[in-house]
Amino acid sequence: MTAHRLGPVDVIPVGEGRAFAVGGEQVAVFRLRDGSLRAMQASCPHAGGPLADGQIDAVKVVCPLHNHVFAFADGSCASGDFAVRVYSVRDDDGEIVLGDRLGE
């Protein structure tokens, strides 16, 4: 597993996301209301919307540009038109650790 340490968890307010540059890619990391973390590619495949700025709940993010909805579990889009890459991510003693793409 390739691990990338992205910094302190506290840089992401609860209920929000932030984008990070990781190995030449942009990855959005979200801190859910329960404190858990989720991660996916940072741009919407439809029109490049910044997913880190989208509205989130426990299972999905809504793109702020055109309201496409992406599942944290597998990156699928509710409309079935698009999908995004999702990544493993964890809180390691207060630090964000991003792992591999899920499903690979």
PDB file of N, CA and C in Angstrom:
ATOM      1  N   MET A   1       0.839  -1.181   0.000  1.00  0.00           N
ATOM      2  CA  MET A   1       0.000   0.000   0.000  1.00  0.00           C
ATOM      3  C   MET A   1       0.886   1.247   0.000  1.00  0.00           C
ATOM      4  N   THR A   2       0.573   2.174  -0.862  1.00  0.00           N
ATOM      5  CA  THR A   2       1.269   3.447  -0.908  1.00  0.00           C
ATOM      6  C   THR A   2       0.547   4.408   0.015  1.00  0.00           C
ATOM      7  N   ALA A   3       1.226   4.914   1.010  1.00  0.00           N
ATOM      8  CA  ALA A   3       0.607   5.850   1.952  1.00  0.00           C
ATOM      9  C   ALA A   3       1.186   7.242   1.757  1.00  0.00           C
ATOM     10  N   HIS A   4       0.315   8.229   1.796  1.00  0.00           N
ATOM     11  CA  HIS A   4       0.705   9.630   1.694  1.00  0.00           C
ATOM     12  C   HIS A   4       0.186  10.356   2.925  1.00  0.00           C
ATOM     13  N   ARG A   5       1.078  10.954   3.667  1.00  0.00           N
ATOM     14  CA  ARG A   5       0.692  11.741   4.840  1.00  0.00           C
ATOM     15  C   ARG A   5       0.404  13.163   4.372  1.00  0.00           C
ATOM     16  N   LEU A   6      -0.835  13.613   4.626  1.00  0.00           N
ATOM     17  CA  LEU A   6      -1.279  14.895   4.079  1.00  0.00           C
ATOM     18  C   LEU A   6      -1.309  16.033   5.080  1.00  0.00           C
ATOM     19  N   GLY A   7      -1.090  15.737   6.349  1.00  0.00           N
ATOM     20  CA  GLY A   7      -1.111  16.787   7.357  1.00  0.00           C
ATOM     21  C   GLY A   7      -2.151  16.508   8.422  1.00  0.00           C
ATOM     22  N   PRO A   8      -2.335  17.456   9.329  1.00  0.00           N
ATOM     23  CA  PRO A   8      -3.254  17.236  10.442  1.00  0.00           C
ATOM     24  C   PRO A   8      -4.718  17.186  10.002  1.00  0.00           C
ATOM     25  N   VAL A   9      -5.468  16.306  10.639  1.00  0.00           N
ATOM     26  CA  VAL A   9      -6.897  16.176  10.365  1.00  0.00           C
ATOM     27  C   VAL A   9      -7.607  17.501  10.586  1.00  0.00           C
ATOM     28  N   ASP A  10      -7.149  18.269  11.560  1.00  0.00           N
ATOM     29  CA  ASP A  10      -7.814  19.519  11.917  1.00  0.00           C
ATOM     30  C   ASP A  10      -7.800  20.579  10.817  1.00  0.00           C
ATOM     31  N   VAL A  11      -7.040  20.386   9.734  1.00  0.00           N
ATOM     32  CA  VAL A  11      -7.079  21.357   8.635  1.00  0.00           C
ATOM     33  C   VAL A  11      -8.394  21.266   7.874  1.00  0.00           C
ATOM     34  N   ILE A  12      -9.135  20.178   8.105  1.00  0.00           N
ATOM     35  CA  ILE A  12     -10.449  20.010   7.471  1.00  0.00           C
ATOM     36  C   ILE A  12     -11.518  20.167   8.547  1.00  0.00           C
ATOM     37  N   PRO A  13     -12.312  21.233   8.499  1.00  0.00           N
ATOM     38  CA  PRO A  13     -13.391  21.369   9.476  1.00  0.00           C
ATOM     39  C   PRO A  13     -14.397  20.218   9.339  1.00  0.00           C
ATOM     40  N   VAL A  14     -15.002  19.849  10.442  1.00  0.00           N
ATOM     41  CA  VAL A  14     -16.026  18.801  10.424  1.00  0.00           C
ATOM     42  C   VAL A  14     -17.151  19.228   9.475  1.00  0.00           C
ATOM     43  N   GLY A  15     -17.556  18.293   8.608  1.00  0.00           N
ATOM     44  CA  GLY A  15     -18.623  18.562   7.655  1.00  0.00           C
ATOM     45  C   GLY A  15     -18.167  19.211   6.362  1.00  0.00           C
ATOM     46  N   GLU A  16     -16.846  19.262   6.138  1.00  0.00           N
ATOM     47  CA  GLU A  16     -16.320  19.894   4.927  1.00  0.00           C
ATOM     48  C   GLU A  16     -15.264  19.021   4.261  1.00  0.00           C
ATOM     49  N   GLY A  17     -14.787  19.497   3.114  1.00  0.00           N
ATOM     50  CA  GLY A  17     -13.729  18.820   2.388  1.00  0.00           C
ATOM     51  C   GLY A  17     -12.622  19.787   2.027  1.00  0.00           C
ATOM     52  N   ARG A  18     -11.464  19.247   1.689  1.00  0.00           N
ATOM     53  CA  ARG A  18     -10.332  20.030   1.224  1.00  0.00           C
ATOM     54  C   ARG A  18      -9.628  19.237   0.130  1.00  0.00           C
ATOM     55  N   ALA A  19      -9.061  19.942  -0.840  1.00  0.00           N
ATOM     56  CA  ALA A  19      -8.325  19.294  -1.925  1.00  0.00           C
ATOM     57  C   ALA A  19      -6.837  19.298  -1.603  1.00  0.00           C
ATOM     58  N   PHE A  20      -6.177  18.189  -1.962  1.00  0.00           N
ATOM     59  CA  PHE A  20      -4.743  18.018  -1.753  1.00  0.00           C
ATOM     60  C   PHE A  20      -4.116  17.537  -3.051  1.00  0.00           C
ATOM     61  N   ALA A  21      -2.907  18.006  -3.356  1.00  0.00           N
ATOM     62  CA  ALA A  21      -2.136  17.498  -4.482  1.00  0.00           C
ATOM     63  C   ALA A  21      -1.368  16.274  -4.002  1.00  0.00           C
ATOM     64  N   VAL A  22      -1.601  15.140  -4.665  1.00  0.00           N
ATOM     65  CA  VAL A  22      -0.976  13.879  -4.260  1.00  0.00           C
ATOM     66  C   VAL A  22      -0.468  13.165  -5.505  1.00  0.00           C
ATOM     67  N   GLY A  23       0.832  13.049  -5.635  1.00  0.00           N
ATOM     68  CA  GLY A  23       1.405  12.308  -6.748  1.00  0.00           C
ATOM     69  C   GLY A  23       0.920  12.751  -8.108  1.00  0.00           C
ATOM     70  N   GLY A  24       0.803  14.036  -8.328  1.00  0.00           N
ATOM     71  CA  GLY A  24       0.366  14.543  -9.628  1.00  0.00           C
ATOM     72  C   GLY A  24      -1.135  14.567  -9.821  1.00  0.00           C
ATOM     73  N   GLU A  25      -1.899  14.182  -8.826  1.00  0.00           N
ATOM     74  CA  GLU A  25      -3.357  14.206  -8.904  1.00  0.00           C
ATOM     75  C   GLU A  25      -3.916  15.088  -7.800  1.00  0.00           C
ATOM     76  N   GLN A  26      -5.124  15.560  -7.991  1.00  0.00           N
ATOM     77  CA  GLN A  26      -5.841  16.293  -6.952  1.00  0.00           C
ATOM     78  C   GLN A  26      -6.829  15.324  -6.306  1.00  0.00           C
ATOM     79  N   VAL A  27      -6.780  15.249  -4.972  1.00  0.00           N
ATOM     80  CA  VAL A  27      -7.652  14.358  -4.213  1.00  0.00           C
ATOM     81  C   VAL A  27      -8.415  15.197  -3.202  1.00  0.00           C
ATOM     82  N   ALA A  28      -9.729  14.993  -3.127  1.00  0.00           N
ATOM     83  CA  ALA A  28     -10.562  15.665  -2.133  1.00  0.00           C
ATOM     84  C   ALA A  28     -10.705  14.745  -0.925  1.00  0.00           C
ATOM     85  N   VAL A  29     -10.422  15.284   0.252  1.00  0.00           N
ATOM     86  CA  VAL A  29     -10.589  14.535   1.490  1.00  0.00           C
ATOM     87  C   VAL A  29     -11.680  15.224   2.294  1.00  0.00           C
ATOM     88  N   PHE A  30     -12.627  14.443   2.770  1.00  0.00           N
ATOM     89  CA  PHE A  30     -13.782  14.955   3.499  1.00  0.00           C
ATOM     90  C   PHE A  30     -13.750  14.461   4.941  1.00  0.00           C
ATOM     91  N   ARG A  31     -14.124  15.340   5.846  1.00  0.00           N
ATOM     92  CA  ARG A  31     -14.235  14.981   7.262  1.00  0.00           C
ATOM     93  C   ARG A  31     -15.720  15.014   7.608  1.00  0.00           C
ATOM     94  N   LEU A  32     -16.299  13.835   7.760  1.00  0.00           N
ATOM     95  CA  LEU A  32     -17.727  13.720   7.998  1.00  0.00           C
ATOM     96  C   LEU A  32     -18.093  14.211   9.396  1.00  0.00           C
ATOM     97  N   ARG A  33     -19.369  14.400   9.615  1.00  0.00           N
ATOM     98  CA  ARG A  33     -19.838  14.928  10.909  1.00  0.00           C
ATOM     99  C   ARG A  33     -19.490  14.004  12.071  1.00  0.00           C
ATOM    100  N   ASP A  34     -19.321  12.715  11.795  1.00  0.00           N
ATOM    101  CA  ASP A  34     -18.933  11.795  12.868  1.00  0.00           C
ATOM    102  C   ASP A  34     -17.411  11.758  13.065  1.00  0.00           C
ATOM    103  N   GLY A  35     -16.684  12.572  12.296  1.00  0.00           N
ATOM    104  CA  GLY A  35     -15.237  12.649  12.411  1.00  0.00           C
ATOM    105  C   GLY A  35     -14.484  11.718  11.487  1.00  0.00           C
ATOM    106  N   SER A  36     -15.176  10.791  10.831  1.00  0.00           N
ATOM    107  CA  SER A  36     -14.501   9.875   9.915  1.00  0.00           C
ATOM    108  C   SER A  36     -14.105  10.595   8.628  1.00  0.00           C
ATOM    109  N   LEU A  37     -13.189   9.996   7.882  1.00  0.00           N
ATOM    110  CA  LEU A  37     -12.662  10.589   6.662  1.00  0.00           C
ATOM    111  C   LEU A  37     -13.069   9.776   5.438  1.00  0.00           C
ATOM    112  N   ARG A  38     -13.245  10.458   4.312  1.00  0.00           N
ATOM    113  CA  ARG A  38     -13.481   9.837   3.014  1.00  0.00           C
ATOM    114  C   ARG A  38     -12.630  10.584   2.003  1.00  0.00           C
ATOM    115  N   ALA A  39     -12.273   9.915   0.890  1.00  0.00           N
ATOM    116  CA  ALA A  39     -11.445  10.565  -0.128  1.00  0.00           C
ATOM    117  C   ALA A  39     -11.835  10.107  -1.528  1.00  0.00           C
ATOM    118  N   MET A  40     -11.767  11.044  -2.466  1.00  0.00           N
ATOM    119  CA  MET A  40     -12.056  10.753  -3.879  1.00  0.00           C
ATOM    120  C   MET A  40     -11.349  11.774  -4.749  1.00  0.00           C
ATOM    121  N   GLN A  41     -11.359  11.530  -6.056  1.00  0.00           N
ATOM    122  CA  GLN A  41     -10.741  12.501  -6.962  1.00  0.00           C
ATOM    123  C   GLN A  41     -11.411  13.851  -6.723  1.00  0.00           C
ATOM    124  N   ALA A  42     -10.651  14.923  -6.902  1.00  0.00           N
ATOM    125  CA  ALA A  42     -11.118  16.243  -6.498  1.00  0.00           C
ATOM    126  C   ALA A  42     -12.002  16.950  -7.514  1.00  0.00           C
ATOM    127  N   SER A  43     -12.014  16.497  -8.760  1.00  0.00           N
ATOM    128  CA  SER A  43     -12.822  17.203  -9.757  1.00  0.00           C
ATOM    129  C   SER A  43     -13.903  16.307 -10.335  1.00  0.00           C
ATOM    130  N   CYS A  44     -15.052  16.905 -10.547  1.00  0.00           N
ATOM    131  CA  CYS A  44     -16.182  16.192 -11.145  1.00  0.00           C
ATOM    132  C   CYS A  44     -15.864  15.905 -12.610  1.00  0.00           C
ATOM    133  N   PRO A  45     -16.091  14.683 -13.086  1.00  0.00           N
ATOM    134  CA  PRO A  45     -15.796  14.361 -14.479  1.00  0.00           C
ATOM    135  C   PRO A  45     -16.732  15.049 -15.474  1.00  0.00           C
ATOM    136  N   HIS A  46     -17.833  15.579 -15.008  1.00  0.00           N
ATOM    137  CA  HIS A  46     -18.774  16.251 -15.902  1.00  0.00           C
ATOM    138  C   HIS A  46     -18.216  17.578 -16.420  1.00  0.00           C
ATOM    139  N   ALA A  47     -17.834  18.476 -15.507  1.00  0.00           N
ATOM    140  CA  ALA A  47     -17.348  19.792 -15.934  1.00  0.00           C
ATOM    141  C   ALA A  47     -16.227  20.312 -15.042  1.00  0.00           C
ATOM    142  N   GLY A  48     -15.575  19.412 -14.318  1.00  0.00           N
ATOM    143  CA  GLY A  48     -14.436  19.810 -13.503  1.00  0.00           C
ATOM    144  C   GLY A  48     -14.777  20.520 -12.212  1.00  0.00           C
ATOM    145  N   GLY A  49     -16.005  20.391 -11.763  1.00  0.00           N
ATOM    146  CA  GLY A  49     -16.412  21.044 -10.519  1.00  0.00           C
ATOM    147  C   GLY A  49     -15.566  20.597  -9.338  1.00  0.00           C
ATOM    148  N   PRO A  50     -15.314  21.501  -8.381  1.00  0.00           N
ATOM    149  CA  PRO A  50     -14.486  21.184  -7.217  1.00  0.00           C
ATOM    150  C   PRO A  50     -15.268  20.392  -6.167  1.00  0.00           C
ATOM    151  N   LEU A  51     -15.122  19.088  -6.172  1.00  0.00           N
ATOM    152  CA  LEU A  51     -15.897  18.250  -5.262  1.00  0.00           C
ATOM    153  C   LEU A  51     -15.619  18.556  -3.796  1.00  0.00           C
ATOM    154  N   ALA A  52     -14.413  19.015  -3.463  1.00  0.00           N
ATOM    155  CA  ALA A  52     -14.107  19.349  -2.072  1.00  0.00           C
ATOM    156  C   ALA A  52     -15.008  20.464  -1.547  1.00  0.00           C
ATOM    157  N   ASP A  53     -15.592  21.249  -2.446  1.00  0.00           N
ATOM    158  CA  ASP A  53     -16.495  22.336  -2.055  1.00  0.00           C
ATOM    159  C   ASP A  53     -17.956  21.914  -2.040  1.00  0.00           C
ATOM    160  N   GLY A  54     -18.231  20.647  -2.344  1.00  0.00           N
ATOM    161  CA  GLY A  54     -19.606  20.176  -2.413  1.00  0.00           C
ATOM    162  C   GLY A  54     -20.231  19.931  -1.051  1.00  0.00           C
ATOM    163  N   GLN A  55     -21.548  19.801  -1.056  1.00  0.00           N
ATOM    164  CA  GLN A  55     -22.298  19.458   0.154  1.00  0.00           C
ATOM    165  C   GLN A  55     -22.149  17.960   0.399  1.00  0.00           C
ATOM    166  N   ILE A  56     -21.944  17.584   1.667  1.00  0.00           N
ATOM    167  CA  ILE A  56     -21.738  16.176   1.993  1.00  0.00           C
ATOM    168  C   ILE A  56     -22.706  15.720   3.071  1.00  0.00           C
ATOM    169  N   ASP A  57     -22.909  14.412   3.090  1.00  0.00           N
ATOM    170  CA  ASP A  57     -23.552  13.757   4.224  1.00  0.00           C
ATOM    171  C   ASP A  57     -22.747  12.490   4.490  1.00  0.00           C
ATOM    172  N   ALA A  58     -23.306  11.544   5.170  1.00  0.00           N
ATOM    173  CA  ALA A  58     -22.544  10.354   5.568  1.00  0.00           C
ATOM    174  C   ALA A  58     -22.180   9.440   4.405  1.00  0.00           C
ATOM    175  N   VAL A  59     -22.854   9.567   3.267  1.00  0.00           N
ATOM    176  CA  VAL A  59     -22.631   8.609   2.182  1.00  0.00           C
ATOM    177  C   VAL A  59     -22.292   9.222   0.826  1.00  0.00           C
ATOM    178  N   LYS A  60     -22.407  10.560   0.694  1.00  0.00           N
ATOM    179  CA  LYS A  60     -22.223  11.129  -0.642  1.00  0.00           C
ATOM    180  C   LYS A  60     -21.779  12.580  -0.592  1.00  0.00           C
ATOM    181  N   VAL A  61     -21.315  13.047  -1.769  1.00  0.00           N
ATOM    182  CA  VAL A  61     -21.000  14.460  -1.985  1.00  0.00           C
ATOM    183  C   VAL A  61     -21.773  14.917  -3.220  1.00  0.00           C
ATOM    184  N   VAL A  62     -22.233  16.167  -3.194  1.00  0.00           N
ATOM    185  CA  VAL A  62     -22.951  16.761  -4.314  1.00  0.00           C
ATOM    186  C   VAL A  62     -22.049  17.814  -4.949  1.00  0.00           C
ATOM    187  N   CYS A  63     -21.782  17.664  -6.239  1.00  0.00           N
ATOM    188  CA  CYS A  63     -20.937  18.618  -6.951  1.00  0.00           C
ATOM    189  C   CYS A  63     -21.591  20.005  -6.900  1.00  0.00           C
ATOM    190  N   PRO A  64     -20.809  21.036  -6.555  1.00  0.00           N
ATOM    191  CA  PRO A  64     -21.388  22.372  -6.435  1.00  0.00           C
ATOM    192  C   PRO A  64     -21.753  23.032  -7.764  1.00  0.00           C
ATOM    193  N   LEU A  65     -21.297  22.492  -8.886  1.00  0.00           N
ATOM    194  CA  LEU A  65     -21.623  23.124 -10.168  1.00  0.00           C
ATOM    195  C   LEU A  65     -22.951  22.668 -10.746  1.00  0.00           C
ATOM    196  N   HIS A  66     -23.147  21.359 -10.870  1.00  0.00           N
ATOM    197  CA  HIS A  66     -24.339  20.863 -11.560  1.00  0.00           C
ATOM    198  C   HIS A  66     -25.077  19.780 -10.786  1.00  0.00           C
ATOM    199  N   ASN A  67     -24.782  19.663  -9.501  1.00  0.00           N
ATOM    200  CA  ASN A  67     -25.516  18.779  -8.589  1.00  0.00           C
ATOM    201  C   ASN A  67     -25.417  17.283  -8.890  1.00  0.00           C
ATOM    202  N   HIS A  68     -24.344  16.851  -9.545  1.00  0.00           N
ATOM    203  CA  HIS A  68     -24.133  15.419  -9.683  1.00  0.00           C
ATOM    204  C   HIS A  68     -23.759  14.872  -8.304  1.00  0.00           C
ATOM    205  N   VAL A  69     -24.294  13.692  -7.977  1.00  0.00           N
ATOM    206  CA  VAL A  69     -24.121  13.102  -6.648  1.00  0.00           C
ATOM    207  C   VAL A  69     -23.209  11.879  -6.766  1.00  0.00           C
ATOM    208  N   PHE A  70     -22.131  11.860  -5.953  1.00  0.00           N
ATOM    209  CA  PHE A  70     -21.160  10.773  -5.987  1.00  0.00           C
ATOM    210  C   PHE A  70     -21.095  10.073  -4.636  1.00  0.00           C
ATOM    211  N   ALA A  71     -21.116   8.735  -4.666  1.00  0.00           N
ATOM    212  CA  ALA A  71     -21.071   7.918  -3.451  1.00  0.00           C
ATOM    213  C   ALA A  71     -19.642   7.796  -2.950  1.00  0.00           C
ATOM    214  N   PHE A  72     -19.463   7.977  -1.637  1.00  0.00           N
ATOM    215  CA  PHE A  72     -18.140   7.797  -1.046  1.00  0.00           C
ATOM    216  C   PHE A  72     -17.681   6.337  -1.134  1.00  0.00           C
ATOM    217  N   ALA A  73     -18.613   5.404  -1.097  1.00  0.00           N
ATOM    218  CA  ALA A  73     -18.255   3.980  -1.058  1.00  0.00           C
ATOM    219  C   ALA A  73     -17.540   3.510  -2.315  1.00  0.00           C
ATOM    220  N   ASP A  74     -18.029   3.932  -3.484  1.00  0.00           N
ATOM    221  CA  ASP A  74     -17.465   3.404  -4.723  1.00  0.00           C
ATOM    222  C   ASP A  74     -17.269   4.444  -5.825  1.00  0.00           C
ATOM    223  N   GLY A  75     -17.614   5.701  -5.568  1.00  0.00           N
ATOM    224  CA  GLY A  75     -17.435   6.755  -6.557  1.00  0.00           C
ATOM    225  C   GLY A  75     -18.504   6.822  -7.619  1.00  0.00           C
ATOM    226  N   SER A  76     -19.506   5.959  -7.526  1.00  0.00           N
ATOM    227  CA  SER A  76     -20.556   5.953  -8.541  1.00  0.00           C
ATOM    228  C   SER A  76     -21.395   7.226  -8.449  1.00  0.00           C
ATOM    229  N   CYS A  77     -21.965   7.605  -9.585  1.00  0.00           N
ATOM    230  CA  CYS A  77     -22.820   8.788  -9.667  1.00  0.00           C
ATOM    231  C   CYS A  77     -24.273   8.316  -9.643  1.00  0.00           C
ATOM    232  N   ALA A  78     -25.115   9.026  -8.920  1.00  0.00           N
ATOM    233  CA  ALA A  78     -26.521   8.635  -8.797  1.00  0.00           C
ATOM    234  C   ALA A  78     -27.210   8.561 -10.152  1.00  0.00           C
ATOM    235  N   SER A  79     -26.800   9.398 -11.116  1.00  0.00           N
ATOM    236  CA  SER A  79     -27.418   9.377 -12.447  1.00  0.00           C
ATOM    237  C   SER A  79     -26.886   8.237 -13.301  1.00  0.00           C
ATOM    238  N   GLY A  80     -25.758   7.655 -12.901  1.00  0.00           N
ATOM    239  CA  GLY A  80     -25.144   6.579 -13.677  1.00  0.00           C
ATOM    240  C   GLY A  80     -24.275   7.064 -14.823  1.00  0.00           C
ATOM    241  N   ASP A  81     -24.186   8.375 -15.004  1.00  0.00           N
ATOM    242  CA  ASP A  81     -23.449   8.933 -16.135  1.00  0.00           C
ATOM    243  C   ASP A  81     -21.943   9.000 -15.932  1.00  0.00           C
ATOM    244  N   PHE A  82     -21.503   9.147 -14.688  1.00  0.00           N
ATOM    245  CA  PHE A  82     -20.100   9.380 -14.392  1.00  0.00           C
ATOM    246  C   PHE A  82     -19.679   8.546 -13.194  1.00  0.00           C
ATOM    247  N   ALA A  83     -18.400   8.512 -12.955  1.00  0.00           N
ATOM    248  CA  ALA A  83     -17.868   7.914 -11.728  1.00  0.00           C
ATOM    249  C   ALA A  83     -16.558   8.627 -11.416  1.00  0.00           C
ATOM    250  N   VAL A  84     -16.190   8.625 -10.133  1.00  0.00           N
ATOM    251  CA  VAL A  84     -14.920   9.198  -9.701  1.00  0.00           C
ATOM    252  C   VAL A  84     -14.113   8.126  -8.984  1.00  0.00           C
ATOM    253  N   ARG A  85     -12.805   8.319  -8.930  1.00  0.00           N
ATOM    254  CA  ARG A  85     -11.935   7.399  -8.188  1.00  0.00           C
ATOM    255  C   ARG A  85     -12.095   7.666  -6.697  1.00  0.00           C
ATOM    256  N   VAL A  86     -12.126   6.612  -5.915  1.00  0.00           N
ATOM    257  CA  VAL A  86     -12.162   6.746  -4.459  1.00  0.00           C
ATOM    258  C   VAL A  86     -10.899   6.122  -3.875  1.00  0.00           C
ATOM    259  N   TYR A  87     -10.499   6.605  -2.720  1.00  0.00           N
ATOM    260  CA  TYR A  87      -9.257   6.200  -2.073  1.00  0.00           C
ATOM    261  C   TYR A  87      -9.519   5.796  -0.630  1.00  0.00           C
ATOM    262  N   SER A  88      -8.669   4.914  -0.129  1.00  0.00           N
ATOM    263  CA  SER A  88      -8.706   4.632   1.300  1.00  0.00           C
ATOM    264  C   SER A  88      -8.068   5.825   2.003  1.00  0.00           C
ATOM    265  N   VAL A  89      -8.576   6.153   3.181  1.00  0.00           N
ATOM    266  CA  VAL A  89      -8.036   7.258   3.961  1.00  0.00           C
ATOM    267  C   VAL A  89      -8.322   6.967   5.425  1.00  0.00           C
ATOM    268  N   ARG A  90      -7.394   7.392   6.279  1.00  0.00           N
ATOM    269  CA  ARG A  90      -7.591   7.150   7.712  1.00  0.00           C
ATOM    270  C   ARG A  90      -6.964   8.271   8.524  1.00  0.00           C
ATOM    271  N   ASP A  91      -7.407   8.338   9.758  1.00  0.00           N
ATOM    272  CA  ASP A  91      -6.852   9.251  10.752  1.00  0.00           C
ATOM    273  C   ASP A  91      -5.833   8.444  11.554  1.00  0.00           C
ATOM    274  N   ASP A  92      -4.576   8.806  11.429  1.00  0.00           N
ATOM    275  CA  ASP A  92      -3.499   8.125  12.154  1.00  0.00           C
ATOM    276  C   ASP A  92      -2.989   9.058  13.235  1.00  0.00           C
ATOM    277  N   ASP A  93      -3.602   8.966  14.408  1.00  0.00           N
ATOM    278  CA  ASP A  93      -3.209   9.791  15.552  1.00  0.00           C
ATOM    279  C   ASP A  93      -3.228  11.281  15.209  1.00  0.00           C
ATOM    280  N   GLY A  94      -4.328  11.703  14.546  1.00  0.00           N
ATOM    281  CA  GLY A  94      -4.499  13.117  14.221  1.00  0.00           C
ATOM    282  C   GLY A  94      -3.937  13.553  12.896  1.00  0.00           C
ATOM    283  N   GLU A  95      -3.384  12.620  12.117  1.00  0.00           N
ATOM    284  CA  GLU A  95      -2.818  12.944  10.810  1.00  0.00           C
ATOM    285  C   GLU A  95      -3.593  12.206   9.714  1.00  0.00           C
ATOM    286  N   ILE A  96      -3.850  12.904   8.601  1.00  0.00           N
ATOM    287  CA  ILE A  96      -4.537  12.303   7.450  1.00  0.00           C
ATOM    288  C   ILE A  96      -3.556  11.425   6.695  1.00  0.00           C
ATOM    289  N   VAL A  97      -3.923  10.157   6.504  1.00  0.00           N
ATOM    290  CA  VAL A  97      -3.094   9.235   5.729  1.00  0.00           C
ATOM    291  C   VAL A  97      -3.943   8.700   4.586  1.00  0.00           C
ATOM    292  N   LEU A  98      -3.543   9.047   3.371  1.00  0.00           N
ATOM    293  CA  LEU A  98      -4.242   8.608   2.169  1.00  0.00           C
ATOM    294  C   LEU A  98      -3.576   7.352   1.648  1.00  0.00           C
ATOM    295  N   GLY A  99      -4.398   6.351   1.305  1.00  0.00           N
ATOM    296  CA  GLY A  99      -3.872   5.093   0.784  1.00  0.00           C
ATOM    297  C   GLY A  99      -4.178   4.943  -0.693  1.00  0.00           C
ATOM    298  N   ASP A 100      -4.294   3.706  -1.100  1.00  0.00           N
ATOM    299  CA  ASP A 100      -4.505   3.371  -2.509  1.00  0.00           C
ATOM    300  C   ASP A 100      -5.929   3.628  -2.962  1.00  0.00           C
ATOM    301  N   ARG A 101      -6.092   3.607  -4.281  1.00  0.00           N
ATOM    302  CA  ARG A 101      -7.424   3.666  -4.857  1.00  0.00           C
ATOM    303  C   ARG A 101      -8.172   2.411  -4.437  1.00  0.00           C
ATOM    304  N   LEU A 102      -9.411   2.579  -4.078  1.00  0.00           N
ATOM    305  CA  LEU A 102     -10.235   1.425  -3.723  1.00  0.00           C
ATOM    306  C   LEU A 102     -10.631   0.687  -4.994  1.00  0.00           C
ATOM    307  N   GLY A 103     -10.761  -0.619  -4.895  1.00  0.00           N
ATOM    308  CA  GLY A 103     -11.165  -1.410  -6.046  1.00  0.00           C
ATOM    309  C   GLY A 103     -10.018  -1.798  -6.962  1.00  0.00           C
ATOM    310  N   GLU A 104      -8.792  -1.442  -6.607  1.00  0.00           N
ATOM    311  CA  GLU A 104      -7.645  -1.818  -7.454  1.00  0.00           C
ATOM    312  C   GLU A 104      -6.806  -2.861  -6.749  1.00  0.00           C
TER     313      GLU A 104
END
